[in-house]
Amino acid sequence: MKKTIQLLDLDCANCAAKIEDAVRKIAGVQSVNVSFMSQKMELDIEEGRSDAIVKEVMRIARKVDSDITVVV
């Protein structure tokens, strides 16, 4: 299942890389790509785990940079 998440106020490429690395380790995430320039995250995740994965993505993003707003 493909999902796009907007990461508003993502300030740097280093933060994008940290988020991408952490999200890649979540069970059920098959692939992830975070673009600093477009402030978007492209996810390919297992069907049926979407809510739990999105919740964890939000937690990770805010931990890396508390100013990021996650829009699903």
C-alpha atoms as a PDB file:
ATOM      1  CA  MET A   1       0.000   0.000   0.000  1.00  0.00           C
ATOM      2  CA  LYS A   2       1.449   3.358  -1.044  1.00  0.00           C
ATOM      3  CA  LYS A   3       1.033   6.365   1.230  1.00  0.00           C
ATOM      4  CA  THR A   4       2.243   9.972   1.005  1.00  0.00           C
ATOM      5  CA  ILE A   5       2.747  12.034   4.165  1.00  0.00           C
ATOM      6  CA  GLN A   6       3.468  15.760   4.173  1.00  0.00           C
ATOM      7  CA  LEU A   7       6.212  16.902   6.585  1.00  0.00           C
ATOM      8  CA  LEU A   8       5.638  20.641   6.939  1.00  0.00           C
ATOM      9  CA  ASP A   9       8.509  22.752   8.309  1.00  0.00           C
ATOM     10  CA  LEU A  10      11.115  20.037   7.685  1.00  0.00           C
ATOM     11  CA  ASP A  11      14.184  22.256   8.079  1.00  0.00           C
ATOM     12  CA  CYS A  12      17.188  20.269   6.875  1.00  0.00           C
ATOM     13  CA  ALA A  13      18.341  17.335   4.782  1.00  0.00           C
ATOM     14  CA  ASN A  14      20.010  15.804   7.840  1.00  0.00           C
ATOM     15  CA  CYS A  15      16.657  15.680   9.675  1.00  0.00           C
ATOM     16  CA  ALA A  16      15.065  14.094   6.597  1.00  0.00           C
ATOM     17  CA  ALA A  17      17.761  11.402   6.572  1.00  0.00           C
ATOM     18  CA  LYS A  18      17.310  10.705  10.298  1.00  0.00           C
ATOM     19  CA  ILE A  19      13.546  10.350   9.876  1.00  0.00           C
ATOM     20  CA  GLU A  20      13.965   8.088   6.843  1.00  0.00           C
ATOM     21  CA  ASP A  21      16.427   5.817   8.655  1.00  0.00           C
ATOM     22  CA  ALA A  22      14.175   5.493  11.709  1.00  0.00           C
ATOM     23  CA  VAL A  23      10.987   4.879   9.693  1.00  0.00           C
ATOM     24  CA  ARG A  24      12.759   2.199   7.617  1.00  0.00           C
ATOM     25  CA  LYS A  25      13.122   0.168  10.853  1.00  0.00           C
ATOM     26  CA  ILE A  26       9.370   0.120  11.630  1.00  0.00           C
ATOM     27  CA  ALA A  27       7.822  -3.320  11.195  1.00  0.00           C
ATOM     28  CA  GLY A  28       5.563  -3.314   8.141  1.00  0.00           C
ATOM     29  CA  VAL A  29       7.452  -0.611   6.232  1.00  0.00           C
ATOM     30  CA  GLN A  30       8.620  -2.040   2.928  1.00  0.00           C
ATOM     31  CA  SER A  31      10.195   1.154   1.589  1.00  0.00           C
ATOM     32  CA  VAL A  32      10.450   4.826   2.520  1.00  0.00           C
ATOM     33  CA  ASN A  33      11.763   7.952   0.840  1.00  0.00           C
ATOM     34  CA  VAL A  34      11.834  11.357   2.554  1.00  0.00           C
ATOM     35  CA  SER A  35      12.373  14.386   0.327  1.00  0.00           C
ATOM     36  CA  PHE A  36      13.626  17.484   2.108  1.00  0.00           C
ATOM     37  CA  MET A  37      12.933  19.674  -0.933  1.00  0.00           C
ATOM     38  CA  SER A  38       9.285  18.651  -1.364  1.00  0.00           C
ATOM     39  CA  GLN A  39       8.759  18.047   2.378  1.00  0.00           C
ATOM     40  CA  LYS A  40       7.092  14.711   1.603  1.00  0.00           C
ATOM     41  CA  MET A  41       7.505  11.125   2.708  1.00  0.00           C
ATOM     42  CA  GLU A  42       6.604   8.341   0.301  1.00  0.00           C
ATOM     43  CA  LEU A  43       5.847   5.055   2.060  1.00  0.00           C
ATOM     44  CA  ASP A  44       5.139   1.547   0.870  1.00  0.00           C
ATOM     45  CA  ILE A  45       3.606  -0.291   3.822  1.00  0.00           C
ATOM     46  CA  GLU A  46       1.807  -3.528   4.625  1.00  0.00           C
ATOM     47  CA  GLU A  47      -1.955  -3.461   4.260  1.00  0.00           C
ATOM     48  CA  GLY A  48      -3.793  -3.296   7.588  1.00  0.00           C
ATOM     49  CA  ARG A  49      -0.918  -1.696   9.537  1.00  0.00           C
ATOM     50  CA  SER A  50      -1.425   1.820   8.213  1.00  0.00           C
ATOM     51  CA  ASP A  51      -2.743   3.437  11.405  1.00  0.00           C
ATOM     52  CA  ALA A  52       0.002   2.035  13.642  1.00  0.00           C
ATOM     53  CA  ILE A  53       2.729   2.940  11.164  1.00  0.00           C
ATOM     54  CA  VAL A  54       1.454   6.507  10.681  1.00  0.00           C
ATOM     55  CA  LYS A  55       1.276   6.970  14.448  1.00  0.00           C
ATOM     56  CA  GLU A  56       4.898   5.831  14.776  1.00  0.00           C
ATOM     57  CA  VAL A  57       5.965   8.088  11.875  1.00  0.00           C
ATOM     58  CA  MET A  58       4.425  11.062  13.691  1.00  0.00           C
ATOM     59  CA  ARG A  59       6.284  10.189  16.890  1.00  0.00           C
ATOM     60  CA  ILE A  60       9.606   9.824  15.071  1.00  0.00           C
ATOM     61  CA  ALA A  61       9.220  13.066  13.104  1.00  0.00           C
ATOM     62  CA  ARG A  62       8.429  15.084  16.217  1.00  0.00           C
ATOM     63  CA  LYS A  63      11.316  13.488  18.092  1.00  0.00           C
ATOM     64  CA  VAL A  64      13.781  14.489  15.355  1.00  0.00           C
ATOM     65  CA  ASP A  65      12.380  18.031  15.031  1.00  0.00           C
ATOM     66  CA  SER A  66       9.579  19.262  17.288  1.00  0.00           C
ATOM     67  CA  ASP A  67       8.614  21.956  14.739  1.00  0.00           C
ATOM     68  CA  ILE A  68       7.567  19.432  12.059  1.00  0.00           C
ATOM     69  CA  THR A  69       3.863  19.167  11.339  1.00  0.00           C
ATOM     70  CA  VAL A  70       2.830  15.763   9.972  1.00  0.00           C
ATOM     71  CA  VAL A  71      -0.130  15.868   7.560  1.00  0.00           C
ATOM     72  CA  VAL A  72      -1.567  12.528   6.465  1.00  0.00           C
END
